[in-house]
Amino acid sequence: MEINWTKSDALAWDFAYNRRDDGEFARTRSIGPNSRDRIKVASQRPAPAFARSCACIVKVKLIIN
């Protein structure tokens, strides 16, 4: 999967999905260029099937224009 962003988009919305031990996702998003200003939001839904499988690795390629 590829995501095309401009530099301003990348500074404004830097997010990642981190797998938690309980199988749910915690979403980390920075609110600005300062990466210390992060909000973590725990998803209430179960992790997708691909995330529960250790044999499957999903890569996201971020392209900054």
PDB file of N, CA and C in Angstrom:
ATOM      1  N   MET A   1       0.849  -1.173   0.000  1.00  0.00           N
ATOM      2  CA  MET A   1       0.000   0.000   0.000  1.00  0.00           C
ATOM      3  C   MET A   1       0.890   1.230   0.000  1.00  0.00           C
ATOM      4  N   GLU A   2       0.535   2.227  -0.764  1.00  0.00           N
ATOM      5  CA  GLU A   2       1.286   3.478  -0.803  1.00  0.00           C
ATOM      6  C   GLU A   2       0.369   4.636  -0.438  1.00  0.00           C
ATOM      7  N   ILE A   3       0.910   5.562   0.314  1.00  0.00           N
ATOM      8  CA  ILE A   3       0.169   6.759   0.693  1.00  0.00           C
ATOM      9  C   ILE A   3       0.963   7.959   0.209  1.00  0.00           C
ATOM     10  N   ASN A   4       0.356   8.793  -0.596  1.00  0.00           N
ATOM     11  CA  ASN A   4       1.026   9.982  -1.110  1.00  0.00           C
ATOM     12  C   ASN A   4       0.647  11.194  -0.265  1.00  0.00           C
ATOM     13  N   TRP A   5       1.649  11.836   0.296  1.00  0.00           N
ATOM     14  CA  TRP A   5       1.439  13.019   1.126  1.00  0.00           C
ATOM     15  C   TRP A   5       2.365  14.130   0.677  1.00  0.00           C
ATOM     16  N   THR A   6       1.957  15.358   0.962  1.00  0.00           N
ATOM     17  CA  THR A   6       2.880  16.480   0.821  1.00  0.00           C
ATOM     18  C   THR A   6       3.654  16.622   2.134  1.00  0.00           C
ATOM     19  N   LYS A   7       4.681  17.454   2.113  1.00  0.00           N
ATOM     20  CA  LYS A   7       5.471  17.635   3.335  1.00  0.00           C
ATOM     21  C   LYS A   7       4.618  18.221   4.459  1.00  0.00           C
ATOM     22  N   SER A   8       3.708  19.120   4.120  1.00  0.00           N
ATOM     23  CA  SER A   8       2.866  19.712   5.164  1.00  0.00           C
ATOM     24  C   SER A   8       1.924  18.670   5.761  1.00  0.00           C
ATOM     25  N   ASP A   9       1.427  17.754   4.934  1.00  0.00           N
ATOM     26  CA  ASP A   9       0.581  16.687   5.459  1.00  0.00           C
ATOM     27  C   ASP A   9       1.363  15.815   6.429  1.00  0.00           C
ATOM     28  N   ALA A  10       2.594  15.512   6.056  1.00  0.00           N
ATOM     29  CA  ALA A  10       3.405  14.637   6.898  1.00  0.00           C
ATOM     30  C   ALA A  10       3.700  15.294   8.243  1.00  0.00           C
ATOM     31  N   LEU A  11       3.887  16.611   8.242  1.00  0.00           N
ATOM     32  CA  LEU A  11       4.131  17.301   9.506  1.00  0.00           C
ATOM     33  C   LEU A  11       2.872  17.378  10.348  1.00  0.00           C
ATOM     34  N   ALA A  12       1.733  17.545   9.696  1.00  0.00           N
ATOM     35  CA  ALA A  12       0.493  17.732  10.440  1.00  0.00           C
ATOM     36  C   ALA A  12      -0.066  16.418  10.976  1.00  0.00           C
ATOM     37  N   TRP A  13       0.062  15.350  10.219  1.00  0.00           N
ATOM     38  CA  TRP A  13      -0.539  14.085  10.635  1.00  0.00           C
ATOM     39  C   TRP A  13       0.466  12.950  10.495  1.00  0.00           C
ATOM     40  N   ASP A  14       1.167  12.684  11.569  1.00  0.00           N
ATOM     41  CA  ASP A  14       2.120  11.586  11.602  1.00  0.00           C
ATOM     42  C   ASP A  14       1.493  10.507  12.470  1.00  0.00           C
ATOM     43  N   PHE A  15       1.036   9.431  11.865  1.00  0.00           N
ATOM     44  CA  PHE A  15       0.336   8.435  12.668  1.00  0.00           C
ATOM     45  C   PHE A  15       0.841   7.035  12.378  1.00  0.00           C
ATOM     46  N   ALA A  16       0.643   6.169  13.333  1.00  0.00           N
ATOM     47  CA  ALA A  16       1.063   4.785  13.172  1.00  0.00           C
ATOM     48  C   ALA A  16       0.133   3.912  13.994  1.00  0.00           C
ATOM     49  N   TYR A  17      -0.036   2.703  13.539  1.00  0.00           N
ATOM     50  CA  TYR A  17      -0.825   1.739  14.285  1.00  0.00           C
ATOM     51  C   TYR A  17       0.124   0.764  14.969  1.00  0.00           C
ATOM     52  N   ASN A  18       0.027   0.686  16.273  1.00  0.00           N
ATOM     53  CA  ASN A  18       0.909  -0.170  17.046  1.00  0.00           C
ATOM     54  C   ASN A  18       0.108  -1.325  17.631  1.00  0.00           C
ATOM     55  N   ARG A  19       0.553  -2.535  17.380  1.00  0.00           N
ATOM     56  CA  ARG A  19      -0.136  -3.716  17.881  1.00  0.00           C
ATOM     57  C   ARG A  19       0.067  -3.820  19.383  1.00  0.00           C
ATOM     58  N   ARG A  20      -1.018  -3.989  20.123  1.00  0.00           N
ATOM     59  CA  ARG A  20      -0.928  -4.153  21.562  1.00  0.00           C
ATOM     60  C   ARG A  20      -0.960  -5.630  21.902  1.00  0.00           C
ATOM     61  N   ASP A  21      -0.557  -5.952  23.106  1.00  0.00           N
ATOM     62  CA  ASP A  21      -0.480  -7.350  23.513  1.00  0.00           C
ATOM     63  C   ASP A  21      -1.846  -8.025  23.535  1.00  0.00           C
ATOM     64  N   ASP A  22      -2.906  -7.270  23.752  1.00  0.00           N
ATOM     65  CA  ASP A  22      -4.243  -7.866  23.832  1.00  0.00           C
ATOM     66  C   ASP A  22      -4.887  -8.022  22.464  1.00  0.00           C
ATOM     67  N   GLY A  23      -4.138  -7.735  21.392  1.00  0.00           N
ATOM     68  CA  GLY A  23      -4.670  -7.950  20.055  1.00  0.00           C
ATOM     69  C   GLY A  23      -5.390  -6.755  19.475  1.00  0.00           C
ATOM     70  N   GLU A  24      -5.508  -5.686  20.249  1.00  0.00           N
ATOM     71  CA  GLU A  24      -6.143  -4.489  19.724  1.00  0.00           C
ATOM     72  C   GLU A  24      -5.068  -3.516  19.252  1.00  0.00           C
ATOM     73  N   PHE A  25      -5.499  -2.497  18.530  1.00  0.00           N
ATOM     74  CA  PHE A  25      -4.579  -1.501  18.023  1.00  0.00           C
ATOM     75  C   PHE A  25      -4.630  -0.253  18.887  1.00  0.00           C
ATOM     76  N   ALA A  26      -3.473   0.323  19.128  1.00  0.00           N
ATOM     77  CA  ALA A  26      -3.408   1.660  19.721  1.00  0.00           C
ATOM     78  C   ALA A  26      -2.935   2.601  18.623  1.00  0.00           C
ATOM     79  N   ARG A  27      -3.677   3.640  18.396  1.00  0.00           N
ATOM     80  CA  ARG A  27      -3.351   4.584  17.329  1.00  0.00           C
ATOM     81  C   ARG A  27      -2.598   5.761  17.930  1.00  0.00           C
ATOM     82  N   THR A  28      -1.439   6.048  17.385  1.00  0.00           N
ATOM     83  CA  THR A  28      -0.631   7.162  17.856  1.00  0.00           C
ATOM     84  C   THR A  28      -0.611   8.222  16.766  1.00  0.00           C
ATOM     85  N   ARG A  29      -0.996   9.417  17.103  1.00  0.00           N
ATOM     86  CA  ARG A  29      -1.039  10.499  16.115  1.00  0.00           C
ATOM     87  C   ARG A  29      -0.433  11.751  16.733  1.00  0.00           C
ATOM     88  N   SER A  30       0.424  12.395  15.983  1.00  0.00           N
ATOM     89  CA  SER A  30       0.949  13.677  16.467  1.00  0.00           C
ATOM     90  C   SER A  30       0.100  14.791  15.916  1.00  0.00           C
ATOM     91  N   ILE A  31      -0.071  15.835  16.717  1.00  0.00           N
ATOM     92  CA  ILE A  31      -0.971  16.908  16.334  1.00  0.00           C
ATOM     93  C   ILE A  31      -0.240  18.022  15.625  1.00  0.00           C
ATOM     94  N   GLY A  32       1.025  17.904  15.451  1.00  0.00           N
ATOM     95  CA  GLY A  32       1.775  18.944  14.763  1.00  0.00           C
ATOM     96  C   GLY A  32       3.180  18.456  14.495  1.00  0.00           C
ATOM     97  N   PRO A  33       4.046  19.353  14.087  1.00  0.00           N
ATOM     98  CA  PRO A  33       5.415  18.957  13.798  1.00  0.00           C
ATOM     99  C   PRO A  33       6.163  18.480  15.041  1.00  0.00           C
ATOM    100  N   ASN A  34       5.658  18.817  16.212  1.00  0.00           N
ATOM    101  CA  ASN A  34       6.306  18.384  17.444  1.00  0.00           C
ATOM    102  C   ASN A  34       5.847  16.972  17.778  1.00  0.00           C
ATOM    103  N   SER A  35       6.733  16.015  17.630  1.00  0.00           N
ATOM    104  CA  SER A  35       6.336  14.616  17.813  1.00  0.00           C
ATOM    105  C   SER A  35       6.023  14.293  19.263  1.00  0.00           C
ATOM    106  N   ARG A  36       6.331  15.175  20.186  1.00  0.00           N
ATOM    107  CA  ARG A  36       6.006  14.907  21.585  1.00  0.00           C
ATOM    108  C   ARG A  36       4.526  15.124  21.875  1.00  0.00           C
ATOM    109  N   ASP A  37       3.851  15.844  20.986  1.00  0.00           N
ATOM    110  CA  ASP A  37       2.423  16.099  21.184  1.00  0.00           C
ATOM    111  C   ASP A  37       1.632  14.967  20.554  1.00  0.00           C
ATOM    112  N   ARG A  38       1.624  13.840  21.200  1.00  0.00           N
ATOM    113  CA  ARG A  38       0.967  12.667  20.638  1.00  0.00           C
ATOM    114  C   ARG A  38      -0.247  12.267  21.467  1.00  0.00           C
ATOM    115  N   ILE A  39      -1.233  11.776  20.769  1.00  0.00           N
ATOM    116  CA  ILE A  39      -2.430  11.266  21.426  1.00  0.00           C
ATOM    117  C   ILE A  39      -2.542   9.790  21.075  1.00  0.00           C
ATOM    118  N   LYS A  40      -2.738   8.961  22.066  1.00  0.00           N
ATOM    119  CA  LYS A  40      -2.923   7.550  21.799  1.00  0.00           C
ATOM    120  C   LYS A  40      -4.396   7.202  22.010  1.00  0.00           C
ATOM    121  N   VAL A  41      -4.982   6.596  21.004  1.00  0.00           N
ATOM    122  CA  VAL A  41      -6.386   6.214  21.071  1.00  0.00           C
ATOM    123  C   VAL A  41      -6.468   4.700  20.902  1.00  0.00           C
ATOM    124  N   ALA A  42      -7.003   4.036  21.874  1.00  0.00           N
ATOM    125  CA  ALA A  42      -7.117   2.579  21.803  1.00  0.00           C
ATOM    126  C   ALA A  42      -8.388   2.215  21.055  1.00  0.00           C
ATOM    127  N   SER A  43      -8.230   1.349  20.100  1.00  0.00           N
ATOM    128  CA  SER A  43      -9.383   0.909  19.321  1.00  0.00           C
ATOM    129  C   SER A  43     -10.211  -0.071  20.144  1.00  0.00           C
ATOM    130  N   GLN A  44     -11.512   0.051  20.050  1.00  0.00           N
ATOM    131  CA  GLN A  44     -12.402  -0.855  20.778  1.00  0.00           C
ATOM    132  C   GLN A  44     -12.729  -2.106  19.967  1.00  0.00           C
ATOM    133  N   ARG A  45     -12.339  -2.106  18.695  1.00  0.00           N
ATOM    134  CA  ARG A  45     -12.646  -3.249  17.834  1.00  0.00           C
ATOM    135  C   ARG A  45     -11.484  -4.228  17.846  1.00  0.00           C
ATOM    136  N   PRO A  46     -11.743  -5.500  17.598  1.00  0.00           N
ATOM    137  CA  PRO A  46     -10.653  -6.473  17.513  1.00  0.00           C
ATOM    138  C   PRO A  46      -9.717  -6.132  16.358  1.00  0.00           C
ATOM    139  N   ALA A  47      -8.492  -6.572  16.479  1.00  0.00           N
ATOM    140  CA  ALA A  47      -7.527  -6.332  15.412  1.00  0.00           C
ATOM    141  C   ALA A  47      -7.960  -7.076  14.157  1.00  0.00           C
ATOM    142  N   PRO A  48      -7.661  -6.529  12.978  1.00  0.00           N
ATOM    143  CA  PRO A  48      -7.989  -7.227  11.739  1.00  0.00           C
ATOM    144  C   PRO A  48      -7.304  -8.588  11.672  1.00  0.00           C
ATOM    145  N   ALA A  49      -7.852  -9.447  10.850  1.00  0.00           N
ATOM    146  CA  ALA A  49      -7.326 -10.809  10.767  1.00  0.00           C
ATOM    147  C   ALA A  49      -5.856 -10.831  10.381  1.00  0.00           C
ATOM    148  N   PHE A  50      -5.432  -9.912   9.495  1.00  0.00           N
ATOM    149  CA  PHE A  50      -4.033  -9.925   9.073  1.00  0.00           C
ATOM    150  C   PHE A  50      -3.097  -9.597  10.236  1.00  0.00           C
ATOM    151  N   ALA A  51      -3.586  -8.814  11.196  1.00  0.00           N
ATOM    152  CA  ALA A  51      -2.731  -8.433  12.315  1.00  0.00           C
ATOM    153  C   ALA A  51      -2.593  -9.571  13.324  1.00  0.00           C
ATOM    154  N   ARG A  52      -3.582 -10.452  13.362  1.00  0.00           N
ATOM    155  CA  ARG A  52      -3.511 -11.567  14.297  1.00  0.00           C
ATOM    156  C   ARG A  52      -2.619 -12.677  13.781  1.00  0.00           C
ATOM    157  N   SER A  53      -2.284 -12.643  12.504  1.00  0.00           N
ATOM    158  CA  SER A  53      -1.449 -13.683  11.919  1.00  0.00           C
ATOM    159  C   SER A  53       0.006 -13.238  11.941  1.00  0.00           C
ATOM    160  N   CYS A  54       0.835 -14.000  12.628  1.00  0.00           N
ATOM    161  CA  CYS A  54       2.260 -13.651  12.703  1.00  0.00           C
ATOM    162  C   CYS A  54       2.960 -13.876  11.364  1.00  0.00           C
ATOM    163  N   ALA A  55       2.351 -14.659  10.498  1.00  0.00           N
ATOM    164  CA  ALA A  55       2.994 -14.988   9.224  1.00  0.00           C
ATOM    165  C   ALA A  55       2.787 -13.891   8.191  1.00  0.00           C
ATOM    166  N   CYS A  56       1.923 -12.932   8.485  1.00  0.00           N
ATOM    167  CA  CYS A  56       1.604 -11.898   7.507  1.00  0.00           C
ATOM    168  C   CYS A  56       2.149 -10.561   7.983  1.00  0.00           C
ATOM    169  N   ILE A  57       2.935  -9.922   7.148  1.00  0.00           N
ATOM    170  CA  ILE A  57       3.488  -8.610   7.465  1.00  0.00           C
ATOM    171  C   ILE A  57       2.965  -7.621   6.430  1.00  0.00           C
ATOM    172  N   VAL A  58       2.369  -6.537   6.906  1.00  0.00           N
ATOM    173  CA  VAL A  58       1.829  -5.522   6.013  1.00  0.00           C
ATOM    174  C   VAL A  58       2.727  -4.294   6.096  1.00  0.00           C
ATOM    175  N   LYS A  59       3.192  -3.837   4.969  1.00  0.00           N
ATOM    176  CA  LYS A  59       4.055  -2.667   4.927  1.00  0.00           C
ATOM    177  C   LYS A  59       3.312  -1.515   4.259  1.00  0.00           C
ATOM    178  N   VAL A  60       3.474  -0.338   4.811  1.00  0.00           N
ATOM    179  CA  VAL A  60       2.910   0.871   4.221  1.00  0.00           C
ATOM    180  C   VAL A  60       4.070   1.766   3.806  1.00  0.00           C
ATOM    181  N   LYS A  61       4.104   2.112   2.551  1.00  0.00           N
ATOM    182  CA  LYS A  61       5.157   2.984   2.024  1.00  0.00           C
ATOM    183  C   LYS A  61       4.626   4.408   1.959  1.00  0.00           C
ATOM    184  N   LEU A  62       5.283   5.300   2.690  1.00  0.00           N
ATOM    185  CA  LEU A  62       4.858   6.696   2.730  1.00  0.00           C
ATOM    186  C   LEU A  62       5.707   7.494   1.749  1.00  0.00           C
ATOM    187  N   ILE A  63       5.051   8.096   0.781  1.00  0.00           N
ATOM    188  CA  ILE A  63       5.741   8.906  -0.221  1.00  0.00           C
ATOM    189  C   ILE A  63       5.470  10.369   0.091  1.00  0.00           C
ATOM    190  N   ILE A  64       6.534  11.114   0.339  1.00  0.00           N
ATOM    191  CA  ILE A  64       6.390  12.549   0.635  1.00  0.00           C
ATOM    192  C   ILE A  64       6.824  13.339  -0.582  1.00  0.00           C
ATOM    193  N   ASN A  65       5.896  14.089  -1.137  1.00  0.00           N
ATOM    194  CA  ASN A  65       6.179  14.881  -2.342  1.00  0.00           C
ATOM    195  C   ASN A  65       6.762  16.235  -1.971  1.00  0.00           C
TER     196      ASN A  65
END
